[in-house]
PDB file of all heavy atoms in Angstrom:
ATOM      1  N   GLY A   1      98.722 120.649  51.259  1.00  0.00           N
ATOM      2  CA  GLY A   1      99.727 121.549  50.707  1.00  0.00           C
ATOM      3  C   GLY A   1      99.268 123.000  50.729  1.00  0.00           C
ATOM      4  O   GLY A   1     100.049 123.912  51.026  1.00  0.00           O
ATOM      5  N   ALA A   2      98.001 123.236  50.418  1.00  0.00           N
ATOM      6  CA  ALA A   2      97.471 124.602  50.463  1.00  0.00           C
ATOM      7  C   ALA A   2      97.495 125.145  51.886  1.00  0.00           C
ATOM      8  O   ALA A   2      97.807 126.323  52.118  1.00  0.00           O
ATOM      9  CB  ALA A   2      96.046 124.633  49.908  1.00  0.00           C
ATOM     10  N   LEU A   3      97.170 124.284  52.870  1.00  0.00           N
ATOM     11  CA  LEU A   3      97.174 124.716  54.269  1.00  0.00           C
ATOM     12  C   LEU A   3      98.587 125.076  54.718  1.00  0.00           C
ATOM     13  O   LEU A   3      98.785 126.075  55.419  1.00  0.00           O
ATOM     14  CB  LEU A   3      96.589 123.621  55.157  1.00  0.00           C
ATOM     15  CG  LEU A   3      96.552 123.924  56.666  1.00  0.00           C
ATOM     16  CD1 LEU A   3      95.735 125.173  56.938  1.00  0.00           C
ATOM     17  CD2 LEU A   3      95.997 122.731  57.434  1.00  0.00           C
ATOM     18  N   ARG A   4      99.580 124.279  54.329  1.00  0.00           N
ATOM     19  CA  ARG A   4     100.965 124.594  54.716  1.00  0.00           C
ATOM     20  C   ARG A   4     101.396 125.945  54.147  1.00  0.00           C
ATOM     21  O   ARG A   4     102.070 126.730  54.819  1.00  0.00           O
ATOM     22  CB  ARG A   4     101.909 123.498  54.228  1.00  0.00           C
ATOM     23  CG  ARG A   4     101.850 122.208  55.036  1.00  0.00           C
ATOM     24  CD  ARG A   4     103.088 121.344  54.760  1.00  0.00           C
ATOM     25  NE  ARG A   4     103.218 121.008  53.351  1.00  0.00           N
ATOM     26  CZ  ARG A   4     102.708 119.917  52.794  1.00  0.00           C
ATOM     27  NH1 ARG A   4     102.010 119.052  53.540  1.00  0.00           N
ATOM     28  NH2 ARG A   4     102.885 119.670  51.498  1.00  0.00           N
ATOM     29  N   ARG A   5     101.005 126.209  52.926  1.00  0.00           N
ATOM     30  CA  ARG A   5     101.375 127.484  52.319  1.00  0.00           C
ATOM     31  C   ARG A   5     100.662 128.656  53.005  1.00  0.00           C
ATOM     32  O   ARG A   5     101.261 129.721  53.208  1.00  0.00           O
ATOM     33  CB  ARG A   5     101.047 127.447  50.821  1.00  0.00           C
ATOM     34  CG  ARG A   5     102.007 126.550  50.034  1.00  0.00           C
ATOM     35  CD  ARG A   5     101.512 126.278  48.624  1.00  0.00           C
ATOM     36  NE  ARG A   5     102.526 125.613  47.813  1.00  0.00           N
ATOM     37  CZ  ARG A   5     102.754 124.300  47.836  1.00  0.00           C
ATOM     38  NH1 ARG A   5     102.021 123.511  48.634  1.00  0.00           N
ATOM     39  NH2 ARG A   5     103.698 123.778  47.073  1.00  0.00           N
ATOM     40  N   LEU A   6      99.408 128.469  53.331  1.00  0.00           N
ATOM     41  CA  LEU A   6      98.680 129.518  54.060  1.00  0.00           C
ATOM     42  C   LEU A   6      99.341 129.774  55.407  1.00  0.00           C
ATOM     43  O   LEU A   6      99.509 130.939  55.824  1.00  0.00           O
ATOM     44  CB  LEU A   6      97.220 129.097  54.247  1.00  0.00           C
ATOM     45  CG  LEU A   6      96.337 130.024  55.096  1.00  0.00           C
ATOM     46  CD1 LEU A   6      96.310 131.438  54.522  1.00  0.00           C
ATOM     47  CD2 LEU A   6      94.922 129.464  55.194  1.00  0.00           C
ATOM     48  N   GLU A   7      99.725 128.717  56.097  1.00  0.00           N
ATOM     49  CA  GLU A   7     100.380 128.883  57.394  1.00  0.00           C
ATOM     50  C   GLU A   7     101.724 129.599  57.248  1.00  0.00           C
ATOM     51  O   GLU A   7     102.114 130.384  58.128  1.00  0.00           O
ATOM     52  CB  GLU A   7     100.576 127.521  58.058  1.00  0.00           C
ATOM     53  CG  GLU A   7      99.283 126.895  58.560  1.00  0.00           C
ATOM     54  CD  GLU A   7      99.489 125.498  59.123  1.00  0.00           C
ATOM     55  OE1 GLU A   7     100.514 124.876  58.776  1.00  0.00           O
ATOM     56  OE2 GLU A   7      98.634 125.045  59.909  1.00  0.00           O
ATOM     57  N   ALA A   8     102.426 129.367  56.151  1.00  0.00           N
ATOM     58  CA  ALA A   8     103.707 130.046  55.927  1.00  0.00           C
ATOM     59  C   ALA A   8     103.512 131.555  55.817  1.00  0.00           C
ATOM     60  O   ALA A   8     104.308 132.344  56.349  1.00  0.00           O
ATOM     61  CB  ALA A   8     104.379 129.499  54.667  1.00  0.00           C
ATOM     62  N   VAL A   9     102.444 131.992  55.139  1.00  0.00           N
ATOM     63  CA  VAL A   9     102.162 133.418  55.014  1.00  0.00           C
ATOM     64  C   VAL A   9     101.809 134.010  56.377  1.00  0.00           C
ATOM     65  O   VAL A   9     102.292 135.088  56.756  1.00  0.00           O
ATOM     66  CB  VAL A   9     101.024 133.666  54.005  1.00  0.00           C
ATOM     67  CG1 VAL A   9     100.713 135.151  53.913  1.00  0.00           C
ATOM     68  CG2 VAL A   9     101.397 133.121  52.632  1.00  0.00           C
ATOM     69  N   LEU A  10     100.979 133.318  57.133  1.00  0.00           N
ATOM     70  CA  LEU A  10     100.578 133.822  58.447  1.00  0.00           C
ATOM     71  C   LEU A  10     101.757 133.863  59.404  1.00  0.00           C
ATOM     72  O   LEU A  10     101.863 134.792  60.230  1.00  0.00           O
ATOM     73  CB  LEU A  10      99.458 132.946  59.012  1.00  0.00           C
ATOM     74  CG  LEU A  10      98.173 132.894  58.170  1.00  0.00           C
ATOM     75  CD1 LEU A  10      97.137 132.001  58.837  1.00  0.00           C
ATOM     76  CD2 LEU A  10      97.605 134.298  57.962  1.00  0.00           C
ATOM     77  N   GLU A  11     102.647 132.882  59.323  1.00  0.00           N
ATOM     78  CA  GLU A  11     103.841 132.894  60.170  1.00  0.00           C
ATOM     79  C   GLU A  11     104.759 134.055  59.813  1.00  0.00           C
ATOM     80  O   GLU A  11     105.411 134.636  60.686  1.00  0.00           O
ATOM     81  CB  GLU A  11     104.596 131.562  60.019  1.00  0.00           C
ATOM     82  CG  GLU A  11     103.906 130.388  60.711  1.00  0.00           C
ATOM     83  CD  GLU A  11     104.549 129.057  60.357  1.00  0.00           C
ATOM     84  OE1 GLU A  11     105.542 129.056  59.595  1.00  0.00           O
ATOM     85  OE2 GLU A  11     104.047 128.023  60.842  1.00  0.00           O
ATOM     86  N   CYS A  12     104.811 134.422  58.541  1.00  0.00           N
ATOM     87  CA  CYS A  12     105.607 135.573  58.129  1.00  0.00           C
ATOM     88  C   CYS A  12     105.059 136.853  58.748  1.00  0.00           C
ATOM     89  O   CYS A  12     105.818 137.695  59.245  1.00  0.00           O
ATOM     90  CB  CYS A  12     105.621 135.676  56.604  1.00  0.00           C
ATOM     91  SG  CYS A  12     106.575 137.072  55.956  1.00  0.00           S
ATOM     92  N   ARG A  13     103.737 137.019  58.746  1.00  0.00           N
ATOM     93  CA  ARG A  13     103.132 138.195  59.376  1.00  0.00           C
ATOM     94  C   ARG A  13     103.481 138.251  60.863  1.00  0.00           C
ATOM     95  O   ARG A  13     103.819 139.316  61.394  1.00  0.00           O
ATOM     96  CB  ARG A  13     101.614 138.173  59.209  1.00  0.00           C
ATOM     97  CG  ARG A  13     101.115 138.307  57.786  1.00  0.00           C
ATOM     98  CD  ARG A  13      99.590 138.398  57.763  1.00  0.00           C
ATOM     99  NE  ARG A  13      99.128 139.664  58.305  1.00  0.00           N
ATOM    100  CZ  ARG A  13      97.895 139.872  58.787  1.00  0.00           C
ATOM    101  NH1 ARG A  13      97.029 138.873  58.814  1.00  0.00           N
ATOM    102  NH2 ARG A  13      97.551 141.044  59.245  1.00  0.00           N
ATOM    103  N   THR A  14     103.396 137.099  61.535  1.00  0.00           N
ATOM    104  CA  THR A  14     103.701 137.051  62.966  1.00  0.00           C
ATOM    105  C   THR A  14     105.166 137.400  63.223  1.00  0.00           C
ATOM    106  O   THR A  14     105.489 138.132  64.171  1.00  0.00           O
ATOM    107  CB  THR A  14     103.393 135.648  63.523  1.00  0.00           C
ATOM    108  OG1 THR A  14     102.022 135.347  63.300  1.00  0.00           O
ATOM    109  CG2 THR A  14     103.678 135.580  65.014  1.00  0.00           C
ATOM    110  N   ALA A  15     106.067 136.892  62.384  1.00  0.00           N
ATOM    111  CA  ALA A  15     107.491 137.158  62.563  1.00  0.00           C
ATOM    112  C   ALA A  15     107.797 138.647  62.409  1.00  0.00           C
ATOM    113  O   ALA A  15     108.566 139.228  63.197  1.00  0.00           O
ATOM    114  CB  ALA A  15     108.300 136.340  61.559  1.00  0.00           C
ATOM    115  N   ILE A  16     107.204 139.288  61.408  1.00  0.00           N
ATOM    116  CA  ILE A  16     107.446 140.718  61.198  1.00  0.00           C
ATOM    117  C   ILE A  16     106.894 141.525  62.359  1.00  0.00           C
ATOM    118  O   ILE A  16     107.513 142.495  62.815  1.00  0.00           O
ATOM    119  CB  ILE A  16     106.830 141.170  59.860  1.00  0.00           C
ATOM    120  CG1 ILE A  16     107.583 140.511  58.697  1.00  0.00           C
ATOM    121  CG2 ILE A  16     106.860 142.691  59.726  1.00  0.00           C
ATOM    122  CD1 ILE A  16     106.969 140.769  57.346  1.00  0.00           C
ATOM    123  N   GLU A  17     105.746 141.126  62.876  1.00  0.00           N
ATOM    124  CA  GLU A  17     105.175 141.818  64.029  1.00  0.00           C
ATOM    125  C   GLU A  17     106.077 141.675  65.252  1.00  0.00           C
ATOM    126  O   GLU A  17     106.099 142.545  66.123  1.00  0.00           O
ATOM    127  CB  GLU A  17     103.780 141.250  64.341  1.00  0.00           C
ATOM    128  CG  GLU A  17     102.984 142.062  65.337  1.00  0.00           C
ATOM    129  CD  GLU A  17     102.650 143.466  64.854  1.00  0.00           C
ATOM    130  OE1 GLU A  17     102.544 143.664  63.617  1.00  0.00           O
ATOM    131  OE2 GLU A  17     102.531 144.364  65.698  1.00  0.00           O
ATOM    132  N   ALA A  18     106.844 140.569  65.311  1.00  0.00           N
ATOM    133  CA  ALA A  18     107.779 140.337  66.426  1.00  0.00           C
ATOM    134  C   ALA A  18     109.149 140.964  66.152  1.00  0.00           C
ATOM    135  O   ALA A  18     110.126 140.638  66.828  1.00  0.00           O
ATOM    136  CB  ALA A  18     107.927 138.847  66.679  1.00  0.00           C
ATOM    137  N   ASN A  19     109.218 141.859  65.143  1.00  0.00           N
ATOM    138  CA  ASN A  19     110.424 142.623  64.814  1.00  0.00           C
ATOM    139  C   ASN A  19     111.530 141.810  64.151  1.00  0.00           C
ATOM    140  O   ASN A  19     112.703 142.190  64.203  1.00  0.00           O
ATOM    141  CB  ASN A  19     110.985 143.342  66.054  1.00  0.00           C
ATOM    142  CG  ASN A  19     110.146 144.537  66.452  1.00  0.00           C
ATOM    143  OD1 ASN A  19     109.566 145.203  65.600  1.00  0.00           O
ATOM    144  ND2 ASN A  19     110.052 144.792  67.738  1.00  0.00           N
ATOM    145  N   VAL A  20     111.188 140.693  63.518  1.00  0.00           N
ATOM    146  CA  VAL A  20     112.134 140.027  62.630  1.00  0.00           C
ATOM    147  C   VAL A  20     112.330 140.926  61.398  1.00  0.00           C
ATOM    148  O   VAL A  20     111.383 141.561  60.925  1.00  0.00           O
ATOM    149  CB  VAL A  20     111.611 138.643  62.212  1.00  0.00           C
ATOM    150  CG1 VAL A  20     112.520 138.003  61.179  1.00  0.00           C
ATOM    151  CG2 VAL A  20     111.489 137.744  63.437  1.00  0.00           C
ATOM    152  N   LYS A  21     113.555 140.995  60.887  1.00  0.00           N
ATOM    153  CA  LYS A  21     113.800 141.811  59.702  1.00  0.00           C
ATOM    154  C   LYS A  21     112.861 141.376  58.573  1.00  0.00           C
ATOM    155  O   LYS A  21     112.795 140.181  58.245  1.00  0.00           O
ATOM    156  CB  LYS A  21     115.242 141.657  59.244  1.00  0.00           C
ATOM    157  CG  LYS A  21     116.268 142.290  60.167  1.00  0.00           C
ATOM    158  CD  LYS A  21     116.211 143.800  60.096  1.00  0.00           C
ATOM    159  CE  LYS A  21     117.332 144.426  60.905  1.00  0.00           C
ATOM    160  NZ  LYS A  21     117.273 145.915  60.861  1.00  0.00           N
ATOM    161  N   PRO A  22     112.117 142.317  57.978  1.00  0.00           N
ATOM    162  CA  PRO A  22     111.145 141.936  56.951  1.00  0.00           C
ATOM    163  C   PRO A  22     111.752 141.117  55.810  1.00  0.00           C
ATOM    164  O   PRO A  22     111.139 140.150  55.351  1.00  0.00           O
ATOM    165  CB  PRO A  22     110.611 143.286  56.449  1.00  0.00           C
ATOM    166  CG  PRO A  22     110.767 144.198  57.629  1.00  0.00           C
ATOM    167  CD  PRO A  22     112.025 143.762  58.297  1.00  0.00           C
ATOM    168  N   ARG A  23     112.948 141.467  55.354  1.00  0.00           N
ATOM    169  CA  ARG A  23     113.534 140.734  54.232  1.00  0.00           C
ATOM    170  C   ARG A  23     113.801 139.280  54.611  1.00  0.00           C
ATOM    171  O   ARG A  23     113.539 138.364  53.823  1.00  0.00           O
ATOM    172  CB  ARG A  23     114.832 141.412  53.771  1.00  0.00           C
ATOM    173  CG  ARG A  23     115.460 140.727  52.557  1.00  0.00           C
ATOM    174  CD  ARG A  23     116.603 141.558  52.034  1.00  0.00           C
ATOM    175  NE  ARG A  23     116.146 142.812  51.470  1.00  0.00           N
ATOM    176  CZ  ARG A  23     115.710 142.977  50.225  1.00  0.00           C
ATOM    177  NH1 ARG A  23     115.641 141.935  49.406  1.00  0.00           N
ATOM    178  NH2 ARG A  23     115.334 144.168  49.802  1.00  0.00           N
ATOM    179  N   ILE A  24     114.296 139.048  55.814  1.00  0.00           N
ATOM    180  CA  ILE A  24     114.569 137.680  56.252  1.00  0.00           C
ATOM    181  C   ILE A  24     113.268 136.884  56.349  1.00  0.00           C
ATOM    182  O   ILE A  24     113.176 135.732  55.898  1.00  0.00           O
ATOM    183  CB  ILE A  24     115.305 137.691  57.609  1.00  0.00           C
ATOM    184  CG1 ILE A  24     116.699 138.304  57.445  1.00  0.00           C
ATOM    185  CG2 ILE A  24     115.411 136.278  58.184  1.00  0.00           C
ATOM    186  CD1 ILE A  24     117.451 138.477  58.740  1.00  0.00           C
ATOM    187  N   ALA A  25     112.231 137.503  56.942  1.00  0.00           N
ATOM    188  CA  ALA A  25     110.957 136.808  57.100  1.00  0.00           C
ATOM    189  C   ALA A  25     110.321 136.485  55.755  1.00  0.00           C
ATOM    190  O   ALA A  25     109.777 135.387  55.554  1.00  0.00           O
ATOM    191  CB  ALA A  25     110.008 137.665  57.945  1.00  0.00           C
TER     192      ALA A  25
END
């Protein structure tokens, strides 16, 4: 469960870097 949550944060960083709207990410 901790790993899934960590991956969710890292995926959010990647999405914002790919120009996904920050609020949506």
